[in-house]
Every structure is written in C-alpha cells, then in structure tokens.
Amino acid sequence: MKATAAGTAVFNNAMRVTNNNDTYRSNNSVEQDRLWMNVYNDSYGLGSTALIGFTENTSDEFSSSEDIDRLPTPVSLYSELETGEELVVNALDTFEFSDAFYLSFSTQIKEVQDYRISIQDLDGINLENATVYLIDSFTGSVTNLTEGDYTF
C-alpha cells in the first residue's frame, strides 16, 4: 500500500470478512508485460533492479498510484522520465515493439568499478519475442541485452 497523504490508517477485527471473500482477486485478467532490468557490481556484491511494466490500464505519464519512486541505494538502476521523476517501477501503456524508455544509473562507490546491466527476468506474451537493446548515451554503444549483458 502506498500512502498518498499523511494520516493514520486504522485496521480492526470489525473490518474482517467472515463469509466468502471473493473480492480480493478479480477474475478480470489484464494483459501485462514486465521487464526487470538489473545492474550489479561484482567487487562489492551490490546491485539494483528496476521494473518496466506495460498494461492497458496504465499510461506513459507519471502516476503516483502506479509508478514507484526509487530509493537511493549504493548502486541504483532506475527509469528516468523526461519530467525528472526517477522510478524503480515504471508502469507504461501497452507494449509496442518500438517502445523506448530511459534508464539511469548512479553509484555511491567512489572508486572506479565495473558494472553489469542485464535482463533479470521478463514475462508477457509481447515480450517473449522482443529484442531489448541498451543504448549507452555516453559512449554511443548499442548492446542487445537479449543476447548478453552490458558491462561498463
């Protein structure tokens, strides 16, 4: 649960459902495609994962109810919107094979290190046959992450 305002949430036994509770999970399935991207540093054993999700119920615009802001960690991989939001979970509109999104990286490690970006996992019928490319905007290199990791 993600709070959208300050306050206190109160839960008590009077709120419990004692009969058949069939409202928790809906039978209405929503087509979704999900891509988990990972960055990892072998020297320190530090890493971070970002999720890029695609559904018909979300949009490419920032939504505080679906997108999750990143937390600063020693090594971070996150999706960065053009409006400046830094997201560890970026919920986007339905997947198209031409979709592109921005990933950013930060580290609190002061010394020069090698890092590896990879696909940790993916699911969804549309992503099964998709090729995921990483374009390094600093070096201009292009890596097919579907075939292997990107080290920098």
C-alpha atoms as a PDB file:
ATOM      1  CA  MET A   1       0.000   0.000   0.000  1.00  0.00           C
ATOM      2  CA  LYS A   2       1.392   3.399  -0.934  1.00  0.00           C
ATOM      3  CA  ALA A   3       0.326   6.434   1.064  1.00  0.00           C
ATOM      4  CA  THR A   4      -0.810   9.444  -0.916  1.00  0.00           C
ATOM      5  CA  ALA A   5      -1.307  11.724   2.110  1.00  0.00           C
ATOM      6  CA  ALA A   6      -0.257  11.996   5.745  1.00  0.00           C
ATOM      7  CA  GLY A   7      -2.523  10.382   8.316  1.00  0.00           C
ATOM      8  CA  THR A   8      -3.210   7.241  10.277  1.00  0.00           C
ATOM      9  CA  ALA A   9      -4.649   4.035   8.901  1.00  0.00           C
ATOM     10  CA  VAL A  10      -6.708   2.057  11.382  1.00  0.00           C
ATOM     11  CA  PHE A  11      -7.491  -1.622  10.891  1.00  0.00           C
ATOM     12  CA  ASN A  12      -9.555  -3.692  13.318  1.00  0.00           C
ATOM     13  CA  ASN A  13     -11.401  -7.019  13.535  1.00  0.00           C
ATOM     14  CA  ALA A  14     -14.741  -5.419  12.626  1.00  0.00           C
ATOM     15  CA  MET A  15     -13.372  -4.968   9.109  1.00  0.00           C
ATOM     16  CA  ARG A  16     -12.746  -8.693   8.590  1.00  0.00           C
ATOM     17  CA  VAL A  17     -14.846 -10.566   6.089  1.00  0.00           C
ATOM     18  CA  THR A  18     -16.198 -13.696   7.748  1.00  0.00           C
ATOM     19  CA  ASN A  19     -18.036 -15.194   4.783  1.00  0.00           C
ATOM     20  CA  ASN A  20     -16.844 -15.951   1.248  1.00  0.00           C
ATOM     21  CA  ASN A  21     -14.356 -13.236   0.330  1.00  0.00           C
ATOM     22  CA  ASP A  22     -14.244 -13.226  -3.459  1.00  0.00           C
ATOM     23  CA  THR A  23     -13.369  -9.565  -3.927  1.00  0.00           C
ATOM     24  CA  TYR A  24      -9.648  -9.733  -3.142  1.00  0.00           C
ATOM     25  CA  ARG A  25      -8.624 -11.039  -6.516  1.00  0.00           C
ATOM     26  CA  SER A  26     -10.516 -10.272  -9.654  1.00  0.00           C
ATOM     27  CA  ASN A  27     -11.103 -12.734 -12.457  1.00  0.00           C
ATOM     28  CA  ASN A  28     -10.670  -9.888 -14.938  1.00  0.00           C
ATOM     29  CA  SER A  29      -7.188 -10.537 -16.235  1.00  0.00           C
ATOM     30  CA  VAL A  30      -5.276  -7.616 -17.648  1.00  0.00           C
ATOM     31  CA  GLU A  31      -2.689  -8.279 -20.312  1.00  0.00           C
ATOM     32  CA  GLN A  32       0.666  -7.237 -18.917  1.00  0.00           C
ATOM     33  CA  ASP A  33       4.269  -7.385 -19.996  1.00  0.00           C
ATOM     34  CA  ARG A  34       7.064  -6.892 -17.476  1.00  0.00           C
ATOM     35  CA  LEU A  35      10.799  -6.387 -17.854  1.00  0.00           C
ATOM     36  CA  TRP A  36      13.126  -6.477 -14.856  1.00  0.00           C
ATOM     37  CA  MET A  37      16.480  -4.796 -15.506  1.00  0.00           C
ATOM     38  CA  ASN A  38      19.406  -5.370 -13.163  1.00  0.00           C
ATOM     39  CA  VAL A  39      22.692  -3.598 -12.503  1.00  0.00           C
ATOM     40  CA  TYR A  40      25.372  -5.363 -10.484  1.00  0.00           C
ATOM     41  CA  ASN A  41      28.878  -4.707  -9.187  1.00  0.00           C
ATOM     42  CA  ASP A  42      30.842  -7.917  -8.630  1.00  0.00           C
ATOM     43  CA  SER A  43      33.573  -6.364  -6.458  1.00  0.00           C
ATOM     44  CA  TYR A  44      31.213  -5.249  -3.708  1.00  0.00           C
ATOM     45  CA  GLY A  45      28.294  -7.574  -4.453  1.00  0.00           C
ATOM     46  CA  LEU A  46      25.941  -4.615  -4.809  1.00  0.00           C
ATOM     47  CA  GLY A  47      23.089  -4.332  -7.253  1.00  0.00           C
ATOM     48  CA  SER A  48      19.716  -2.856  -8.019  1.00  0.00           C
ATOM     49  CA  THR A  49      16.665  -3.863 -10.046  1.00  0.00           C
ATOM     50  CA  ALA A  50      14.184  -1.702 -11.949  1.00  0.00           C
ATOM     51  CA  LEU A  51      10.847  -2.928 -13.297  1.00  0.00           C
ATOM     52  CA  ILE A  52       9.337  -1.623 -16.501  1.00  0.00           C
ATOM     53  CA  GLY A  53       5.731  -2.775 -16.787  1.00  0.00           C
ATOM     54  CA  PHE A  54       3.289  -2.428 -19.669  1.00  0.00           C
ATOM     55  CA  THR A  55      -0.505  -2.755 -19.335  1.00  0.00           C
ATOM     56  CA  GLU A  56      -3.593  -1.353 -20.989  1.00  0.00           C
ATOM     57  CA  ASN A  57      -4.608   0.209 -17.650  1.00  0.00           C
ATOM     58  CA  THR A  58      -1.531   2.437 -17.250  1.00  0.00           C
ATOM     59  CA  SER A  59      -0.113   5.320 -19.245  1.00  0.00           C
ATOM     60  CA  ASP A  60       3.258   6.688 -20.234  1.00  0.00           C
ATOM     61  CA  GLU A  61       2.645   9.692 -17.951  1.00  0.00           C
ATOM     62  CA  PHE A  62       3.751   9.691 -14.308  1.00  0.00           C
ATOM     63  CA  SER A  63       1.104   8.315 -11.954  1.00  0.00           C
ATOM     64  CA  SER A  64       1.720   8.246  -8.208  1.00  0.00           C
ATOM     65  CA  SER A  65      -0.659   5.291  -7.882  1.00  0.00           C
ATOM     66  CA  GLU A  66       1.261   3.072 -10.343  1.00  0.00           C
ATOM     67  CA  ASP A  67       4.837   4.356 -10.617  1.00  0.00           C
ATOM     68  CA  ILE A  68       7.214   3.909  -7.674  1.00  0.00           C
ATOM     69  CA  ASP A  69       9.980   6.413  -6.891  1.00  0.00           C
ATOM     70  CA  ARG A  70      13.436   4.980  -6.474  1.00  0.00           C
ATOM     71  CA  LEU A  71      15.199   4.872  -3.141  1.00  0.00           C
ATOM     72  CA  PRO A  72      18.829   5.965  -3.053  1.00  0.00           C
ATOM     73  CA  THR A  73      20.910   2.819  -2.742  1.00  0.00           C
ATOM     74  CA  PRO A  74      24.679   2.326  -3.070  1.00  0.00           C
ATOM     75  CA  VAL A  75      24.147   1.164  -6.672  1.00  0.00           C
ATOM     76  CA  SER A  76      20.948   2.207  -8.462  1.00  0.00           C
ATOM     77  CA  LEU A  77      19.344   1.475 -11.801  1.00  0.00           C
ATOM     78  CA  TYR A  78      16.119   3.339 -12.425  1.00  0.00           C
ATOM     79  CA  SER A  79      13.835   4.625 -15.135  1.00  0.00           C
ATOM     80  CA  GLU A  80      14.017   8.375 -15.611  1.00  0.00           C
ATOM     81  CA  LEU A  81      11.126  10.317 -17.076  1.00  0.00           C
ATOM     82  CA  GLU A  82      11.584  13.453 -19.171  1.00  0.00           C
ATOM     83  CA  THR A  83       9.839  15.345 -16.346  1.00  0.00           C
ATOM     84  CA  GLY A  84      12.608  14.311 -13.924  1.00  0.00           C
ATOM     85  CA  GLU A  85      10.924  11.558 -11.902  1.00  0.00           C
ATOM     86  CA  GLU A  86      13.288   8.705 -11.009  1.00  0.00           C
ATOM     87  CA  LEU A  87      11.352   5.431 -10.835  1.00  0.00           C
ATOM     88  CA  VAL A  88      12.253   1.938  -9.694  1.00  0.00           C
ATOM     89  CA  VAL A  89       8.886   0.783 -11.081  1.00  0.00           C
ATOM     90  CA  ASN A  90       7.720   2.477 -14.276  1.00  0.00           C
ATOM     91  CA  ALA A  91       4.202   1.491 -15.367  1.00  0.00           C
ATOM     92  CA  LEU A  92       3.732   2.274 -19.053  1.00  0.00           C
ATOM     93  CA  ASP A  93       0.962   1.884 -21.612  1.00  0.00           C
ATOM     94  CA  THR A  94       0.544  -1.318 -23.653  1.00  0.00           C
ATOM     95  CA  PHE A  95       3.830  -2.657 -25.064  1.00  0.00           C
ATOM     96  CA  GLU A  96       4.732  -1.826 -28.658  1.00  0.00           C
ATOM     97  CA  PHE A  97       7.830  -3.256 -30.353  1.00  0.00           C
ATOM     98  CA  SER A  98       9.111   0.280 -30.988  1.00  0.00           C
ATOM     99  CA  ASP A  99       8.844   1.359 -27.320  1.00  0.00           C
ATOM    100  CA  ALA A 100      11.827   3.088 -25.739  1.00  0.00           C
ATOM    101  CA  PHE A 101      12.446   4.315 -22.207  1.00  0.00           C
ATOM    102  CA  TYR A 102      15.306   5.994 -20.376  1.00  0.00           C
ATOM    103  CA  LEU A 103      17.358   4.182 -17.762  1.00  0.00           C
ATOM    104  CA  SER A 104      19.729   5.975 -15.445  1.00  0.00           C
ATOM    105  CA  PHE A 105      22.457   4.728 -13.171  1.00  0.00           C
ATOM    106  CA  SER A 106      24.016   6.081 -10.015  1.00  0.00           C
ATOM    107  CA  THR A 107      26.544   4.785  -7.538  1.00  0.00           C
ATOM    108  CA  GLN A 108      27.826   5.855  -4.148  1.00  0.00           C
ATOM    109  CA  ILE A 109      31.049   3.896  -4.676  1.00  0.00           C
ATOM    110  CA  LYS A 110      33.811   6.469  -5.034  1.00  0.00           C
ATOM    111  CA  GLU A 111      36.413   4.372  -6.847  1.00  0.00           C
ATOM    112  CA  VAL A 112      36.283   3.322 -10.488  1.00  0.00           C
ATOM    113  CA  GLN A 113      34.453  -0.001 -10.782  1.00  0.00           C
ATOM    114  CA  ASP A 114      32.926  -2.233 -13.433  1.00  0.00           C
ATOM    115  CA  TYR A 115      29.147  -2.629 -13.512  1.00  0.00           C
ATOM    116  CA  ARG A 116      26.990  -5.062 -15.442  1.00  0.00           C
ATOM    117  CA  ILE A 117      23.453  -4.331 -16.734  1.00  0.00           C
ATOM    118  CA  SER A 118      21.331  -7.331 -17.651  1.00  0.00           C
ATOM    119  CA  ILE A 119      17.792  -8.540 -18.068  1.00  0.00           C
ATOM    120  CA  GLN A 120      16.929 -10.193 -14.773  1.00  0.00           C
ATOM    121  CA  ASP A 121      13.572 -11.510 -15.950  1.00  0.00           C
ATOM    122  CA  LEU A 122      10.767 -10.793 -18.372  1.00  0.00           C
ATOM    123  CA  ASP A 123       7.243 -12.022 -18.818  1.00  0.00           C
ATOM    124  CA  GLY A 124       4.291 -11.347 -21.037  1.00  0.00           C
ATOM    125  CA  ILE A 125       3.277 -12.591 -24.428  1.00  0.00           C
ATOM    126  CA  ASN A 126       4.504  -9.434 -26.201  1.00  0.00           C
ATOM    127  CA  LEU A 127       7.991  -9.529 -24.643  1.00  0.00           C
ATOM    128  CA  GLU A 128       8.634 -13.192 -25.400  1.00  0.00           C
ATOM    129  CA  ASN A 129       9.743 -12.355 -28.943  1.00  0.00           C
ATOM    130  CA  ALA A 130      11.019  -8.830 -28.356  1.00  0.00           C
ATOM    131  CA  THR A 131      14.666  -7.830 -28.591  1.00  0.00           C
ATOM    132  CA  VAL A 132      15.856  -5.475 -25.855  1.00  0.00           C
ATOM    133  CA  TYR A 133      18.615  -3.056 -26.792  1.00  0.00           C
ATOM    134  CA  LEU A 134      20.557  -0.821 -24.415  1.00  0.00           C
ATOM    135  CA  ILE A 135      21.954   2.334 -25.979  1.00  0.00           C
ATOM    136  CA  ASP A 136      24.660   3.965 -23.879  1.00  0.00           C
ATOM    137  CA  SER A 137      24.133   7.693 -24.371  1.00  0.00           C
ATOM    138  CA  PHE A 138      27.643   8.428 -23.072  1.00  0.00           C
ATOM    139  CA  THR A 139      29.611   6.145 -25.423  1.00  0.00           C
ATOM    140  CA  GLY A 140      27.025   5.634 -28.166  1.00  0.00           C
ATOM    141  CA  SER A 141      27.419   1.849 -27.989  1.00  0.00           C
ATOM    142  CA  VAL A 142      24.438  -0.426 -28.609  1.00  0.00           C
ATOM    143  CA  THR A 143      24.089  -3.767 -26.808  1.00  0.00           C
ATOM    144  CA  ASN A 144      21.495  -6.453 -27.460  1.00  0.00           C
ATOM    145  CA  LEU A 145      20.600  -7.385 -23.859  1.00  0.00           C
ATOM    146  CA  THR A 146      18.560 -10.316 -25.135  1.00  0.00           C
ATOM    147  CA  GLU A 147      21.867 -11.931 -26.177  1.00  0.00           C
ATOM    148  CA  GLY A 148      24.106 -10.796 -23.312  1.00  0.00           C
ATOM    149  CA  ASP A 149      24.957  -8.321 -20.571  1.00  0.00           C
ATOM    150  CA  TYR A 150      26.363  -4.820 -20.941  1.00  0.00           C
ATOM    151  CA  THR A 151      29.484  -4.069 -18.896  1.00  0.00           C
ATOM    152  CA  PHE A 152      30.787  -0.567 -18.345  1.00  0.00           C
END
